[in-house]
């Protein structure tokens, strides 16, 4: 797994498009994705998953189980995740938005630990973290 993380509009998708082969499947870029789509992928299919934060927002009711299910769905697959870092900046006033920020932070800790590669994009400049 390769995780590409950075702020909004920092060039993450452009970076990933340059890396990925033409046959790569993209999920979450235009429409929300469901885990069943990822479960059905062959292990060697190059795949990009975007907007994990939006997915997490709709699965906050059982965060632990949702994180477990997400990690299981992407395990041992040729996955590149594009993650928008929402944990920096102003703390949201709404309780649900704070819960989402915290849940994404916990999910991202798992993803970074499991990832073979982690790249941070800072205004178009890639920095290899792992």
N, C-alpha and C. Protein backbone atom coordinates (compact mmCIF):
# COMPACT_ATOMS: atom_id res chain seq x y z
N UNK A 1 0.84 -1.17 0.00
CA UNK A 1 0.00 0.00 0.00
C UNK A 1 0.89 1.24 0.00
N UNK A 2 0.45 2.22 -0.77
CA UNK A 2 1.13 3.51 -0.82
C UNK A 2 0.12 4.56 -0.37
N UNK A 3 0.46 5.33 0.64
CA UNK A 3 -0.39 6.41 1.11
C UNK A 3 0.22 7.73 0.65
N UNK A 4 -0.63 8.54 0.01
CA UNK A 4 -0.23 9.89 -0.40
C UNK A 4 -1.10 10.84 0.39
N UNK A 5 -0.47 11.67 1.22
CA UNK A 5 -1.20 12.54 2.12
C UNK A 5 -0.76 13.98 1.92
N UNK A 6 -1.68 14.89 2.15
CA UNK A 6 -1.37 16.31 2.05
C UNK A 6 -2.64 17.12 2.25
N UNK A 7 -2.48 18.42 2.25
CA UNK A 7 -3.62 19.31 2.41
C UNK A 7 -4.47 19.37 1.15
N UNK A 8 -5.59 20.04 1.26
CA UNK A 8 -6.50 20.21 0.13
C UNK A 8 -5.79 21.00 -0.98
N UNK A 9 -6.01 20.59 -2.21
CA UNK A 9 -5.48 21.28 -3.40
C UNK A 9 -3.95 21.40 -3.37
N UNK A 10 -3.27 20.37 -2.88
CA UNK A 10 -1.81 20.39 -2.81
C UNK A 10 -1.14 19.59 -3.91
N UNK A 11 -1.92 18.98 -4.83
CA UNK A 11 -1.34 18.25 -5.95
C UNK A 11 -1.25 16.75 -5.75
N UNK A 12 -2.00 16.20 -4.81
CA UNK A 12 -1.94 14.76 -4.54
C UNK A 12 -2.39 13.94 -5.75
N UNK A 13 -3.53 14.30 -6.33
CA UNK A 13 -4.04 13.54 -7.48
C UNK A 13 -3.11 13.63 -8.68
N UNK A 14 -2.58 14.78 -8.94
CA UNK A 14 -1.64 14.93 -10.06
C UNK A 14 -0.43 14.03 -9.85
N UNK A 15 0.09 14.01 -8.65
CA UNK A 15 1.23 13.15 -8.32
C UNK A 15 0.90 11.69 -8.56
N UNK A 16 -0.27 11.24 -8.09
CA UNK A 16 -0.66 9.84 -8.22
C UNK A 16 -0.93 9.50 -9.69
N UNK A 17 -1.58 10.39 -10.44
CA UNK A 17 -1.83 10.12 -11.86
C UNK A 17 -0.54 9.86 -12.63
N UNK A 18 0.51 10.56 -12.29
CA UNK A 18 1.80 10.38 -12.95
C UNK A 18 2.45 9.05 -12.59
N UNK A 19 2.11 8.51 -11.44
CA UNK A 19 2.68 7.23 -10.98
C UNK A 19 1.92 6.01 -11.50
N UNK A 20 0.62 6.14 -11.63
CA UNK A 20 -0.23 4.98 -11.87
C UNK A 20 -0.31 4.62 -13.35
N UNK A 21 -0.38 3.32 -13.64
CA UNK A 21 -0.57 2.87 -15.03
C UNK A 21 -1.99 3.21 -15.51
N UNK A 22 -2.17 3.22 -16.81
CA UNK A 22 -3.46 3.57 -17.41
C UNK A 22 -4.59 2.66 -16.95
N UNK A 23 -4.28 1.39 -16.65
CA UNK A 23 -5.33 0.44 -16.27
C UNK A 23 -5.73 0.53 -14.79
N UNK A 24 -5.18 1.48 -14.08
CA UNK A 24 -5.53 1.63 -12.66
C UNK A 24 -7.01 1.98 -12.51
N UNK A 25 -7.63 1.40 -11.51
CA UNK A 25 -9.03 1.70 -11.19
C UNK A 25 -9.03 2.78 -10.11
N UNK A 26 -9.91 3.75 -10.25
CA UNK A 26 -10.04 4.84 -9.29
C UNK A 26 -11.39 4.74 -8.59
N UNK A 27 -11.39 4.87 -7.29
CA UNK A 27 -12.62 4.86 -6.49
C UNK A 27 -12.65 6.10 -5.61
N UNK A 28 -13.85 6.68 -5.48
CA UNK A 28 -14.04 7.80 -4.59
C UNK A 28 -13.71 9.15 -5.18
N UNK A 29 -13.23 9.19 -6.42
CA UNK A 29 -12.85 10.47 -7.02
C UNK A 29 -14.08 11.24 -7.48
N UNK A 30 -14.96 10.59 -8.19
CA UNK A 30 -16.16 11.23 -8.72
C UNK A 30 -17.39 10.95 -7.86
N UNK A 31 -17.49 9.73 -7.36
CA UNK A 31 -18.63 9.33 -6.53
C UNK A 31 -18.09 8.58 -5.30
N UNK A 32 -18.86 8.56 -4.22
CA UNK A 32 -18.41 7.82 -3.03
C UNK A 32 -18.21 6.33 -3.36
N UNK A 33 -17.30 5.70 -2.63
CA UNK A 33 -17.04 4.28 -2.83
C UNK A 33 -17.63 3.49 -1.68
N UNK A 34 -17.81 2.20 -1.93
CA UNK A 34 -18.26 1.26 -0.90
C UNK A 34 -17.19 0.18 -0.77
N UNK A 35 -17.05 -0.36 0.41
CA UNK A 35 -16.02 -1.37 0.66
C UNK A 35 -16.22 -2.61 -0.20
N UNK A 36 -17.44 -2.94 -0.55
CA UNK A 36 -17.68 -4.11 -1.39
C UNK A 36 -16.94 -3.98 -2.72
N UNK A 37 -16.82 -2.77 -3.24
CA UNK A 37 -16.07 -2.55 -4.48
C UNK A 37 -14.60 -2.93 -4.31
N UNK A 38 -14.04 -2.59 -3.16
CA UNK A 38 -12.63 -2.90 -2.90
C UNK A 38 -12.44 -4.38 -2.61
N UNK A 39 -13.41 -4.97 -1.92
CA UNK A 39 -13.33 -6.40 -1.61
C UNK A 39 -13.28 -7.26 -2.86
N UNK A 40 -13.94 -6.82 -3.92
CA UNK A 40 -14.04 -7.61 -5.15
C UNK A 40 -12.84 -7.46 -6.08
N UNK A 41 -11.92 -6.58 -5.77
CA UNK A 41 -10.77 -6.35 -6.63
C UNK A 41 -9.76 -7.49 -6.55
N UNK A 42 -9.18 -7.86 -7.70
CA UNK A 42 -8.06 -8.80 -7.66
C UNK A 42 -6.87 -8.13 -6.93
N UNK A 43 -6.08 -8.91 -6.25
CA UNK A 43 -4.98 -8.37 -5.44
C UNK A 43 -3.98 -7.58 -6.27
N UNK A 44 -3.78 -7.95 -7.55
CA UNK A 44 -2.77 -7.28 -8.35
C UNK A 44 -3.30 -6.09 -9.15
N UNK A 45 -4.60 -5.78 -9.05
CA UNK A 45 -5.20 -4.67 -9.80
C UNK A 45 -4.72 -3.34 -9.22
N UNK A 46 -3.97 -2.51 -10.00
CA UNK A 46 -3.58 -1.20 -9.49
C UNK A 46 -4.84 -0.37 -9.21
N UNK A 47 -4.94 0.12 -7.99
CA UNK A 47 -6.16 0.79 -7.55
C UNK A 47 -5.81 2.05 -6.76
N UNK A 48 -6.60 3.10 -7.00
CA UNK A 48 -6.47 4.35 -6.26
C UNK A 48 -7.78 4.59 -5.53
N UNK A 49 -7.69 4.92 -4.25
CA UNK A 49 -8.87 5.24 -3.45
C UNK A 49 -8.70 6.66 -2.92
N UNK A 50 -9.69 7.49 -3.25
CA UNK A 50 -9.69 8.90 -2.82
C UNK A 50 -10.83 9.14 -1.84
N UNK A 51 -10.77 10.26 -1.18
CA UNK A 51 -11.86 10.73 -0.31
C UNK A 51 -12.21 9.73 0.79
N UNK A 52 -11.20 9.17 1.39
CA UNK A 52 -11.40 8.26 2.51
C UNK A 52 -12.10 9.00 3.65
N UNK A 53 -11.84 10.30 3.76
CA UNK A 53 -12.46 11.10 4.82
C UNK A 53 -13.98 11.12 4.66
N UNK A 54 -14.46 11.22 3.42
CA UNK A 54 -15.90 11.21 3.18
C UNK A 54 -16.49 9.85 3.56
N UNK A 55 -15.77 8.79 3.23
CA UNK A 55 -16.23 7.45 3.61
C UNK A 55 -16.32 7.35 5.13
N UNK A 56 -15.28 7.82 5.82
CA UNK A 56 -15.25 7.75 7.28
C UNK A 56 -16.40 8.56 7.87
N UNK A 57 -16.74 9.68 7.26
CA UNK A 57 -17.83 10.53 7.76
C UNK A 57 -19.15 9.78 7.80
N UNK A 58 -19.34 8.85 6.89
CA UNK A 58 -20.60 8.11 6.87
C UNK A 58 -20.52 6.81 7.69
N UNK A 59 -19.40 6.61 8.38
CA UNK A 59 -19.23 5.39 9.19
C UNK A 59 -18.75 5.71 10.61
N UNK A 60 -19.11 6.87 11.12
CA UNK A 60 -18.66 7.29 12.45
C UNK A 60 -19.38 6.57 13.59
N UNK A 61 -20.54 6.02 13.31
CA UNK A 61 -21.33 5.42 14.39
C UNK A 61 -20.63 4.24 15.06
N UNK A 62 -19.83 3.51 14.29
CA UNK A 62 -19.06 2.39 14.85
C UNK A 62 -17.64 2.49 14.29
N UNK A 63 -16.90 3.45 14.82
CA UNK A 63 -15.58 3.78 14.29
C UNK A 63 -14.63 2.59 14.30
N UNK A 64 -14.53 1.88 15.40
CA UNK A 64 -13.59 0.76 15.48
C UNK A 64 -13.87 -0.30 14.43
N UNK A 65 -15.13 -0.66 14.31
CA UNK A 65 -15.51 -1.67 13.33
C UNK A 65 -15.28 -1.17 11.90
N UNK A 66 -15.59 0.10 11.67
CA UNK A 66 -15.39 0.69 10.34
C UNK A 66 -13.92 0.69 9.95
N UNK A 67 -13.06 1.06 10.87
CA UNK A 67 -11.62 1.06 10.59
C UNK A 67 -11.16 -0.37 10.30
N UNK A 68 -11.60 -1.31 11.13
CA UNK A 68 -11.24 -2.71 10.90
C UNK A 68 -11.69 -3.18 9.52
N UNK A 69 -12.92 -2.88 9.14
CA UNK A 69 -13.45 -3.30 7.84
C UNK A 69 -12.70 -2.64 6.69
N UNK A 70 -12.33 -1.39 6.85
CA UNK A 70 -11.58 -0.70 5.80
C UNK A 70 -10.21 -1.35 5.62
N UNK A 71 -9.51 -1.56 6.73
CA UNK A 71 -8.18 -2.17 6.67
C UNK A 71 -8.24 -3.58 6.07
N UNK A 72 -9.27 -4.34 6.40
CA UNK A 72 -9.44 -5.68 5.85
C UNK A 72 -9.68 -5.63 4.34
N UNK A 73 -10.46 -4.64 3.89
CA UNK A 73 -10.79 -4.52 2.47
C UNK A 73 -9.58 -4.19 1.60
N UNK A 74 -8.60 -3.50 2.16
CA UNK A 74 -7.45 -3.09 1.35
C UNK A 74 -6.22 -3.96 1.59
N UNK A 75 -6.30 -4.87 2.53
CA UNK A 75 -5.14 -5.72 2.87
C UNK A 75 -4.68 -6.53 1.67
N UNK A 76 -3.37 -6.57 1.50
CA UNK A 76 -2.72 -7.38 0.45
C UNK A 76 -3.20 -7.03 -0.97
N UNK A 77 -3.53 -5.76 -1.18
CA UNK A 77 -3.95 -5.31 -2.50
C UNK A 77 -2.99 -4.23 -2.98
N UNK A 78 -2.97 -4.02 -4.28
CA UNK A 78 -2.13 -3.00 -4.91
C UNK A 78 -2.87 -1.66 -4.86
N UNK A 79 -2.88 -1.06 -3.68
CA UNK A 79 -3.70 0.12 -3.39
C UNK A 79 -2.82 1.34 -3.17
N UNK A 80 -3.26 2.46 -3.76
CA UNK A 80 -2.71 3.77 -3.42
C UNK A 80 -3.86 4.57 -2.85
N UNK A 81 -3.67 5.09 -1.65
CA UNK A 81 -4.69 5.90 -0.99
C UNK A 81 -4.31 7.37 -1.06
N UNK A 82 -5.25 8.21 -1.44
CA UNK A 82 -5.05 9.65 -1.43
C UNK A 82 -5.81 10.19 -0.23
N UNK A 83 -5.07 10.71 0.74
CA UNK A 83 -5.64 11.15 2.01
C UNK A 83 -5.47 12.67 2.13
N UNK A 84 -6.56 13.36 2.41
CA UNK A 84 -6.47 14.78 2.72
C UNK A 84 -6.30 14.92 4.22
N UNK A 85 -5.25 15.58 4.62
CA UNK A 85 -4.96 15.76 6.04
C UNK A 85 -5.91 16.80 6.61
N UNK A 86 -6.90 16.34 7.37
CA UNK A 86 -7.87 17.26 7.96
C UNK A 86 -7.58 17.51 9.44
N UNK A 87 -6.48 17.00 9.93
CA UNK A 87 -6.16 17.11 11.35
C UNK A 87 -5.37 18.35 11.73
N UNK A 88 -5.09 19.18 10.76
CA UNK A 88 -4.33 20.40 11.06
C UNK A 88 -5.25 21.60 10.96
N UNK A 89 -4.84 22.69 11.50
CA UNK A 89 -5.63 23.91 11.36
C UNK A 89 -6.60 24.11 12.51
N UNK A 90 -7.67 24.79 12.22
CA UNK A 90 -8.64 25.19 13.22
C UNK A 90 -9.46 23.98 13.67
N UNK A 91 -9.66 23.87 14.97
CA UNK A 91 -10.49 22.79 15.51
C UNK A 91 -11.94 23.12 15.18
N UNK A 92 -12.65 22.18 14.55
CA UNK A 92 -14.05 22.45 14.18
C UNK A 92 -14.93 22.71 15.41
N UNK A 93 -15.92 23.59 15.24
CA UNK A 93 -16.84 23.91 16.33
C UNK A 93 -17.88 22.81 16.53
N UNK A 94 -18.31 22.17 15.45
CA UNK A 94 -19.33 21.13 15.53
C UNK A 94 -18.75 19.83 16.08
N UNK A 95 -19.47 19.22 17.01
CA UNK A 95 -18.99 17.98 17.64
C UNK A 95 -18.77 16.87 16.62
N UNK A 96 -19.68 16.73 15.65
CA UNK A 96 -19.53 15.67 14.64
C UNK A 96 -18.29 15.90 13.78
N UNK A 97 -17.98 17.14 13.46
CA UNK A 97 -16.78 17.45 12.67
C UNK A 97 -15.51 17.16 13.46
N UNK A 98 -15.54 17.43 14.76
CA UNK A 98 -14.39 17.07 15.61
C UNK A 98 -14.24 15.56 15.69
N UNK A 99 -15.37 14.85 15.80
CA UNK A 99 -15.33 13.39 15.85
C UNK A 99 -14.76 12.83 14.56
N UNK A 100 -15.13 13.43 13.42
CA UNK A 100 -14.60 12.98 12.14
C UNK A 100 -13.09 13.22 12.06
N UNK A 101 -12.66 14.39 12.46
CA UNK A 101 -11.23 14.69 12.44
C UNK A 101 -10.45 13.69 13.29
N UNK A 102 -10.95 13.38 14.46
CA UNK A 102 -10.27 12.44 15.35
C UNK A 102 -10.29 11.02 14.78
N UNK A 103 -11.45 10.59 14.22
CA UNK A 103 -11.56 9.25 13.64
C UNK A 103 -10.60 9.11 12.45
N UNK A 104 -10.53 10.13 11.62
CA UNK A 104 -9.60 10.08 10.48
C UNK A 104 -8.16 10.02 10.97
N UNK A 105 -7.85 10.72 12.04
CA UNK A 105 -6.51 10.66 12.61
C UNK A 105 -6.16 9.25 13.07
N UNK A 106 -7.10 8.60 13.71
CA UNK A 106 -6.87 7.23 14.18
C UNK A 106 -6.75 6.26 12.99
N UNK A 107 -7.63 6.40 11.99
CA UNK A 107 -7.52 5.57 10.79
C UNK A 107 -6.18 5.80 10.10
N UNK A 108 -5.77 7.05 9.97
CA UNK A 108 -4.51 7.37 9.30
C UNK A 108 -3.31 6.78 10.03
N UNK A 109 -3.36 6.70 11.35
CA UNK A 109 -2.27 6.06 12.09
C UNK A 109 -2.13 4.60 11.68
N UNK A 110 -3.25 3.91 11.55
CA UNK A 110 -3.23 2.50 11.10
C UNK A 110 -2.68 2.41 9.68
N UNK A 111 -3.16 3.29 8.81
CA UNK A 111 -2.74 3.25 7.41
C UNK A 111 -1.24 3.50 7.28
N UNK A 112 -0.73 4.48 8.00
CA UNK A 112 0.70 4.80 7.91
C UNK A 112 1.55 3.64 8.43
N UNK A 113 1.08 2.99 9.47
CA UNK A 113 1.81 1.85 10.02
C UNK A 113 1.87 0.71 9.02
N UNK A 114 0.77 0.41 8.35
CA UNK A 114 0.68 -0.71 7.41
C UNK A 114 1.29 -0.41 6.05
N UNK A 115 1.38 0.85 5.68
CA UNK A 115 1.82 1.23 4.34
C UNK A 115 3.28 0.86 4.10
N UNK A 116 3.55 0.39 2.89
CA UNK A 116 4.93 0.16 2.47
C UNK A 116 5.60 1.50 2.13
N UNK A 117 4.80 2.43 1.61
CA UNK A 117 5.30 3.76 1.25
C UNK A 117 4.32 4.82 1.73
N UNK A 118 4.87 5.95 2.19
CA UNK A 118 4.06 7.11 2.54
C UNK A 118 4.74 8.33 1.92
N UNK A 119 3.96 9.09 1.16
CA UNK A 119 4.46 10.30 0.52
C UNK A 119 3.58 11.47 0.94
N UNK A 120 4.21 12.53 1.43
CA UNK A 120 3.47 13.76 1.75
C UNK A 120 3.67 14.73 0.59
N UNK A 121 2.57 15.32 0.15
CA UNK A 121 2.63 16.33 -0.90
C UNK A 121 2.40 17.68 -0.26
N UNK A 122 3.37 18.55 -0.44
CA UNK A 122 3.28 19.89 0.13
C UNK A 122 3.35 20.88 -1.04
N UNK A 123 2.20 21.37 -1.47
CA UNK A 123 2.09 22.31 -2.59
C UNK A 123 2.84 21.82 -3.81
N UNK A 124 2.55 20.57 -4.18
CA UNK A 124 3.10 19.98 -5.38
C UNK A 124 4.45 19.32 -5.22
N UNK A 125 5.06 19.45 -4.06
CA UNK A 125 6.39 18.86 -3.84
C UNK A 125 6.24 17.57 -3.03
N UNK A 126 6.61 16.44 -3.61
CA UNK A 126 6.51 15.17 -2.88
C UNK A 126 7.68 15.00 -1.90
N UNK A 127 7.36 14.50 -0.72
CA UNK A 127 8.36 14.21 0.29
C UNK A 127 8.12 12.79 0.78
N UNK A 128 9.07 11.91 0.58
CA UNK A 128 8.93 10.52 1.02
C UNK A 128 9.12 10.47 2.54
N UNK A 129 8.09 9.98 3.22
CA UNK A 129 8.17 9.82 4.66
C UNK A 129 8.53 8.40 5.07
N UNK A 130 8.12 7.46 4.20
CA UNK A 130 8.38 6.05 4.51
C UNK A 130 8.53 5.30 3.20
